[in-house]
């Protein structure tokens, strides 16, 4: 299966994004972005986040689509190192999926939260593996057996090698849409709080 066709433009390799269900574009922007925001086209929003430095905190929130919005920006990756600071921002949202792929630094992760409570969190980098919660049904369906630590990674034969393809396939399985039919509309761009 070509998973990238199930992810909207801007998601995938060397990126970080959230999928937020049960809220609206404006509610998400009001919660996650600083007050100085702007509305722009989807393509202009992508250009802003691609040109931004990591410390720039540039992100954007997509238009409402089937009670779902996407939030994009590599700055979202700070969630994986700063959960205590980020969780309060996400407590008003019924369900949040978060994905990170960065093949250069070999950092990959995903999380599922409900009203700011972590249901599943997995973060793999060259120094550490963090594994919280039970494997998701999507992980099981895809046949993933993610290592709980580096010892398990090297000692077990049936371990899934973590890379960007794993994250992309998982995101497509959990939150994918028909990317060709997705309405690439106006976004709200700004700086992450």
C-alpha atoms as a PDB file:
ATOM      1  CA  UNK A   1       0.000   0.000   0.000  1.00  0.00           C
ATOM      2  CA  UNK A   2       1.234   3.513  -0.779  1.00  0.00           C
ATOM      3  CA  UNK A   3       0.747   5.120   2.598  1.00  0.00           C
ATOM      4  CA  UNK A   4       1.847   8.572   1.498  1.00  0.00           C
ATOM      5  CA  UNK A   5      -1.342   8.829  -0.582  1.00  0.00           C
ATOM      6  CA  UNK A   6      -3.283   8.624   2.698  1.00  0.00           C
ATOM      7  CA  UNK A   7      -1.461  11.555   4.298  1.00  0.00           C
ATOM      8  CA  UNK A   8      -2.103  15.140   3.333  1.00  0.00           C
ATOM      9  CA  UNK A   9       0.735  17.198   1.907  1.00  0.00           C
ATOM     10  CA  UNK A  10       3.303  18.239   4.480  1.00  0.00           C
ATOM     11  CA  UNK A  11       3.097  15.077   6.552  1.00  0.00           C
ATOM     12  CA  UNK A  12       5.749  12.404   6.447  1.00  0.00           C
ATOM     13  CA  UNK A  13       9.501  12.508   6.160  1.00  0.00           C
ATOM     14  CA  UNK A  14      11.335  14.936   8.442  1.00  0.00           C
ATOM     15  CA  UNK A  15       8.160  16.410   9.883  1.00  0.00           C
ATOM     16  CA  UNK A  16       5.941  16.536  12.901  1.00  0.00           C
ATOM     17  CA  UNK A  17       2.174  16.857  12.890  1.00  0.00           C
ATOM     18  CA  UNK A  18      -0.920  16.461  15.040  1.00  0.00           C
ATOM     19  CA  UNK A  19      -4.330  15.202  14.100  1.00  0.00           C
ATOM     20  CA  UNK A  20      -6.960  16.644  16.415  1.00  0.00           C
ATOM     21  CA  UNK A  21     -10.471  15.219  16.427  1.00  0.00           C
ATOM     22  CA  UNK A  22     -13.574  16.825  17.896  1.00  0.00           C
ATOM     23  CA  UNK A  23     -12.583  20.489  17.828  1.00  0.00           C
ATOM     24  CA  UNK A  24     -12.484  23.353  15.331  1.00  0.00           C
ATOM     25  CA  UNK A  25      -9.752  25.226  13.527  1.00  0.00           C
ATOM     26  CA  UNK A  26     -10.370  28.387  15.516  1.00  0.00           C
ATOM     27  CA  UNK A  27     -10.477  26.603  18.905  1.00  0.00           C
ATOM     28  CA  UNK A  28      -7.206  24.846  18.123  1.00  0.00           C
ATOM     29  CA  UNK A  29      -5.515  28.028  16.917  1.00  0.00           C
ATOM     30  CA  UNK A  30      -6.721  29.931  20.002  1.00  0.00           C
ATOM     31  CA  UNK A  31      -5.293  27.213  22.266  1.00  0.00           C
ATOM     32  CA  UNK A  32      -2.017  26.303  20.564  1.00  0.00           C
ATOM     33  CA  UNK A  33      -0.910  29.451  18.753  1.00  0.00           C
ATOM     34  CA  UNK A  34       0.109  32.829  20.071  1.00  0.00           C
ATOM     35  CA  UNK A  35      -2.363  35.633  19.419  1.00  0.00           C
ATOM     36  CA  UNK A  36      -0.483  37.080  16.443  1.00  0.00           C
ATOM     37  CA  UNK A  37      -1.753  34.682  13.754  1.00  0.00           C
ATOM     38  CA  UNK A  38      -2.579  35.046  10.094  1.00  0.00           C
ATOM     39  CA  UNK A  39      -4.807  33.289   7.633  1.00  0.00           C
ATOM     40  CA  UNK A  40      -3.080  32.115   4.487  1.00  0.00           C
ATOM     41  CA  UNK A  41      -3.344  29.490   1.784  1.00  0.00           C
ATOM     42  CA  UNK A  42      -2.345  25.921   2.529  1.00  0.00           C
ATOM     43  CA  UNK A  43       0.732  26.205   0.301  1.00  0.00           C
ATOM     44  CA  UNK A  44       1.822  29.462   1.951  1.00  0.00           C
ATOM     45  CA  UNK A  45       1.438  27.764   5.344  1.00  0.00           C
ATOM     46  CA  UNK A  46       3.648  24.886   4.212  1.00  0.00           C
ATOM     47  CA  UNK A  47       6.270  27.332   2.976  1.00  0.00           C
ATOM     48  CA  UNK A  48       6.253  29.108   6.341  1.00  0.00           C
ATOM     49  CA  UNK A  49       6.892  25.924   8.312  1.00  0.00           C
ATOM     50  CA  UNK A  50       9.479  24.607   5.858  1.00  0.00           C
ATOM     51  CA  UNK A  51      11.439  27.858   5.965  1.00  0.00           C
ATOM     52  CA  UNK A  52      11.237  28.220   9.746  1.00  0.00           C
ATOM     53  CA  UNK A  53      14.115  27.318  12.011  1.00  0.00           C
ATOM     54  CA  UNK A  54      13.408  24.678  14.660  1.00  0.00           C
ATOM     55  CA  UNK A  55      13.452  27.315  17.409  1.00  0.00           C
ATOM     56  CA  UNK A  56      11.074  29.524  15.450  1.00  0.00           C
ATOM     57  CA  UNK A  57       7.968  27.640  16.691  1.00  0.00           C
ATOM     58  CA  UNK A  58       6.065  28.226  13.435  1.00  0.00           C
ATOM     59  CA  UNK A  59       3.013  26.005  12.990  1.00  0.00           C
ATOM     60  CA  UNK A  60      -0.338  26.060  11.251  1.00  0.00           C
ATOM     61  CA  UNK A  61      -3.821  24.657  11.771  1.00  0.00           C
ATOM     62  CA  UNK A  62      -5.773  23.369   8.787  1.00  0.00           C
ATOM     63  CA  UNK A  63      -9.403  24.087   7.992  1.00  0.00           C
ATOM     64  CA  UNK A  64     -12.099  21.847   9.491  1.00  0.00           C
ATOM     65  CA  UNK A  65     -12.516  18.534   7.662  1.00  0.00           C
ATOM     66  CA  UNK A  66     -14.884  15.846   8.965  1.00  0.00           C
ATOM     67  CA  UNK A  67     -14.515  17.094  12.587  1.00  0.00           C
ATOM     68  CA  UNK A  68     -10.742  16.792  12.225  1.00  0.00           C
ATOM     69  CA  UNK A  69      -7.906  19.277  11.887  1.00  0.00           C
ATOM     70  CA  UNK A  70      -4.219  18.883  11.240  1.00  0.00           C
ATOM     71  CA  UNK A  71      -1.571  20.937  12.995  1.00  0.00           C
ATOM     72  CA  UNK A  72       1.829  20.981  11.331  1.00  0.00           C
ATOM     73  CA  UNK A  73       5.259  22.269  12.261  1.00  0.00           C
ATOM     74  CA  UNK A  74       8.539  20.638  13.254  1.00  0.00           C
ATOM     75  CA  UNK A  75       8.349  22.645  16.489  1.00  0.00           C
ATOM     76  CA  UNK A  76       5.616  20.224  17.626  1.00  0.00           C
ATOM     77  CA  UNK A  77       8.398  17.712  18.177  1.00  0.00           C
ATOM     78  CA  UNK A  78       9.130  19.432  21.475  1.00  0.00           C
ATOM     79  CA  UNK A  79       6.178  17.473  22.862  1.00  0.00           C
ATOM     80  CA  UNK A  80       8.373  14.383  22.940  1.00  0.00           C
ATOM     81  CA  UNK A  81      10.843  16.066  25.295  1.00  0.00           C
ATOM     82  CA  UNK A  82       8.513  18.462  27.125  1.00  0.00           C
ATOM     83  CA  UNK A  83       5.312  16.549  27.844  1.00  0.00           C
ATOM     84  CA  UNK A  84       4.735  18.370  31.138  1.00  0.00           C
ATOM     85  CA  UNK A  85       4.625  21.702  29.322  1.00  0.00           C
ATOM     86  CA  UNK A  86       2.573  20.455  26.378  1.00  0.00           C
ATOM     87  CA  UNK A  87      -0.058  18.255  28.052  1.00  0.00           C
ATOM     88  CA  UNK A  88      -1.988  21.170  29.607  1.00  0.00           C
ATOM     89  CA  UNK A  89      -2.368  22.703  26.137  1.00  0.00           C
ATOM     90  CA  UNK A  90      -4.011  19.521  24.841  1.00  0.00           C
ATOM     91  CA  UNK A  91      -6.442  18.788  27.685  1.00  0.00           C
ATOM     92  CA  UNK A  92      -9.433  20.420  25.976  1.00  0.00           C
ATOM     93  CA  UNK A  93      -9.211  18.182  22.918  1.00  0.00           C
ATOM     94  CA  UNK A  94     -11.112  14.863  22.893  1.00  0.00           C
ATOM     95  CA  UNK A  95      -8.485  13.011  20.858  1.00  0.00           C
ATOM     96  CA  UNK A  96      -5.040  13.989  19.618  1.00  0.00           C
ATOM     97  CA  UNK A  97      -2.641  11.946  17.520  1.00  0.00           C
ATOM     98  CA  UNK A  98       0.937  13.157  17.262  1.00  0.00           C
ATOM     99  CA  UNK A  99       3.578  11.898  14.826  1.00  0.00           C
ATOM    100  CA  UNK A 100       7.275  12.672  14.407  1.00  0.00           C
ATOM    101  CA  UNK A 101       9.701  11.453  11.767  1.00  0.00           C
ATOM    102  CA  UNK A 102      13.223  12.739  11.340  1.00  0.00           C
ATOM    103  CA  UNK A 103      15.536  10.334   9.587  1.00  0.00           C
ATOM    104  CA  UNK A 104      18.653  12.525   9.873  1.00  0.00           C
ATOM    105  CA  UNK A 105      18.637  12.560  13.672  1.00  0.00           C
ATOM    106  CA  UNK A 106      16.902   9.149  13.848  1.00  0.00           C
ATOM    107  CA  UNK A 107      14.128  10.526  16.038  1.00  0.00           C
ATOM    108  CA  UNK A 108      10.740   8.935  15.519  1.00  0.00           C
ATOM    109  CA  UNK A 109       7.685   8.949  17.710  1.00  0.00           C
ATOM    110  CA  UNK A 110       3.947   8.881  18.041  1.00  0.00           C
ATOM    111  CA  UNK A 111       1.393   9.514  20.737  1.00  0.00           C
ATOM    112  CA  UNK A 112      -2.346   9.257  21.296  1.00  0.00           C
ATOM    113  CA  UNK A 113      -3.970  11.481  23.915  1.00  0.00           C
ATOM    114  CA  UNK A 114      -7.507  11.896  25.178  1.00  0.00           C
ATOM    115  CA  UNK A 115      -8.257  15.188  26.935  1.00  0.00           C
ATOM    116  CA  UNK A 116      -4.561  15.645  27.628  1.00  0.00           C
ATOM    117  CA  UNK A 117      -4.052  12.164  29.060  1.00  0.00           C
ATOM    118  CA  UNK A 118      -1.485   9.975  27.322  1.00  0.00           C
ATOM    119  CA  UNK A 119      -3.026   6.705  26.156  1.00  0.00           C
ATOM    120  CA  UNK A 120      -0.025   5.672  24.067  1.00  0.00           C
ATOM    121  CA  UNK A 121       3.400   7.275  23.725  1.00  0.00           C
ATOM    122  CA  UNK A 122       6.394   5.922  21.875  1.00  0.00           C
ATOM    123  CA  UNK A 123       9.594   7.852  21.253  1.00  0.00           C
ATOM    124  CA  UNK A 124      12.768   6.469  19.737  1.00  0.00           C
ATOM    125  CA  UNK A 125      16.002   8.398  19.374  1.00  0.00           C
ATOM    126  CA  UNK A 126      19.656   7.445  19.336  1.00  0.00           C
ATOM    127  CA  UNK A 127      19.915   7.786  23.127  1.00  0.00           C
ATOM    128  CA  UNK A 128      16.656   6.477  24.533  1.00  0.00           C
ATOM    129  CA  UNK A 129      13.417   4.621  23.946  1.00  0.00           C
ATOM    130  CA  UNK A 130      10.305   5.708  25.823  1.00  0.00           C
ATOM    131  CA  UNK A 131       7.335   3.362  25.711  1.00  0.00           C
ATOM    132  CA  UNK A 132       4.124   4.215  27.571  1.00  0.00           C
ATOM    133  CA  UNK A 133       0.789   2.426  27.283  1.00  0.00           C
ATOM    134  CA  UNK A 134      -0.349  -0.691  25.525  1.00  0.00           C
ATOM    135  CA  UNK A 135       0.281  -1.194  21.797  1.00  0.00           C
ATOM    136  CA  UNK A 136      -2.474   0.260  19.631  1.00  0.00           C
ATOM    137  CA  UNK A 137      -4.746  -1.867  17.498  1.00  0.00           C
ATOM    138  CA  UNK A 138      -3.120  -0.210  14.461  1.00  0.00           C
ATOM    139  CA  UNK A 139       0.327  -1.367  15.665  1.00  0.00           C
ATOM    140  CA  UNK A 140      -0.971  -4.913  15.983  1.00  0.00           C
ATOM    141  CA  UNK A 141      -2.731  -4.802  12.611  1.00  0.00           C
ATOM    142  CA  UNK A 142       0.492  -3.664  10.935  1.00  0.00           C
ATOM    143  CA  UNK A 143       2.435  -6.406  12.725  1.00  0.00           C
ATOM    144  CA  UNK A 144       4.685  -4.050  14.689  1.00  0.00           C
ATOM    145  CA  UNK A 145       6.615  -5.249  17.724  1.00  0.00           C
ATOM    146  CA  UNK A 146       8.378  -2.093  18.840  1.00  0.00           C
ATOM    147  CA  UNK A 147      11.285  -2.470  21.261  1.00  0.00           C
ATOM    148  CA  UNK A 148      10.740  -1.297  24.828  1.00  0.00           C
ATOM    149  CA  UNK A 149      14.453  -0.559  25.236  1.00  0.00           C
ATOM    150  CA  UNK A 150      17.745  -1.027  23.399  1.00  0.00           C
ATOM    151  CA  UNK A 151      18.453  -4.389  25.047  1.00  0.00           C
ATOM    152  CA  UNK A 152      15.211  -5.779  23.673  1.00  0.00           C
ATOM    153  CA  UNK A 153      15.944  -4.207  20.297  1.00  0.00           C
ATOM    154  CA  UNK A 154      19.198  -6.139  19.962  1.00  0.00           C
ATOM    155  CA  UNK A 155      18.141  -9.386  21.672  1.00  0.00           C
ATOM    156  CA  UNK A 156      14.801 -10.251  20.054  1.00  0.00           C
ATOM    157  CA  UNK A 157      14.431 -11.476  16.480  1.00  0.00           C
ATOM    158  CA  UNK A 158      10.893 -10.233  15.843  1.00  0.00           C
ATOM    159  CA  UNK A 159      11.515  -6.580  16.737  1.00  0.00           C
ATOM    160  CA  UNK A 160      10.345  -3.913  14.286  1.00  0.00           C
ATOM    161  CA  UNK A 161      13.153  -1.594  13.210  1.00  0.00           C
ATOM    162  CA  UNK A 162      11.939   1.917  13.936  1.00  0.00           C
ATOM    163  CA  UNK A 163      12.177   4.356  11.036  1.00  0.00           C
ATOM    164  CA  UNK A 164      10.101   6.956   9.221  1.00  0.00           C
ATOM    165  CA  UNK A 165       8.251   4.299   7.203  1.00  0.00           C
ATOM    166  CA  UNK A 166       6.844   2.846  10.442  1.00  0.00           C
ATOM    167  CA  UNK A 167       5.490   6.243  11.522  1.00  0.00           C
ATOM    168  CA  UNK A 168       4.044   7.020   8.098  1.00  0.00           C
ATOM    169  CA  UNK A 169       2.276   3.652   7.871  1.00  0.00           C
ATOM    170  CA  UNK A 170       0.943   3.984  11.420  1.00  0.00           C
ATOM    171  CA  UNK A 171      -0.324   7.520  10.766  1.00  0.00           C
ATOM    172  CA  UNK A 172      -2.007   6.418   7.548  1.00  0.00           C
ATOM    173  CA  UNK A 173      -3.647   3.481   9.339  1.00  0.00           C
ATOM    174  CA  UNK A 174      -4.881   5.619  12.232  1.00  0.00           C
ATOM    175  CA  UNK A 175      -5.736   8.942  10.643  1.00  0.00           C
ATOM    176  CA  UNK A 176      -5.286   8.653   6.895  1.00  0.00           C
ATOM    177  CA  UNK A 177      -7.517  10.334   4.333  1.00  0.00           C
ATOM    178  CA  UNK A 178      -7.581  10.300   0.561  1.00  0.00           C
ATOM    179  CA  UNK A 179      -4.903  12.946   0.039  1.00  0.00           C
ATOM    180  CA  UNK A 180      -6.032  13.591  -3.544  1.00  0.00           C
ATOM    181  CA  UNK A 181      -9.533  14.492  -2.337  1.00  0.00           C
ATOM    182  CA  UNK A 182      -8.473  16.465   0.731  1.00  0.00           C
ATOM    183  CA  UNK A 183      -9.656  20.088   0.473  1.00  0.00           C
ATOM    184  CA  UNK A 184      -6.391  22.049   0.694  1.00  0.00           C
ATOM    185  CA  UNK A 185      -7.894  25.237   2.027  1.00  0.00           C
ATOM    186  CA  UNK A 186      -6.932  28.206   4.113  1.00  0.00           C
ATOM    187  CA  UNK A 187      -4.952  27.674   7.282  1.00  0.00           C
ATOM    188  CA  UNK A 188      -4.230  29.698  10.402  1.00  0.00           C
ATOM    189  CA  UNK A 189      -0.475  30.149  10.795  1.00  0.00           C
ATOM    190  CA  UNK A 190       1.436  31.444  13.784  1.00  0.00           C
ATOM    191  CA  UNK A 191       3.869  30.623  16.544  1.00  0.00           C
ATOM    192  CA  UNK A 192       3.277  27.750  18.916  1.00  0.00           C
ATOM    193  CA  UNK A 193       2.545  28.921  22.462  1.00  0.00           C
END
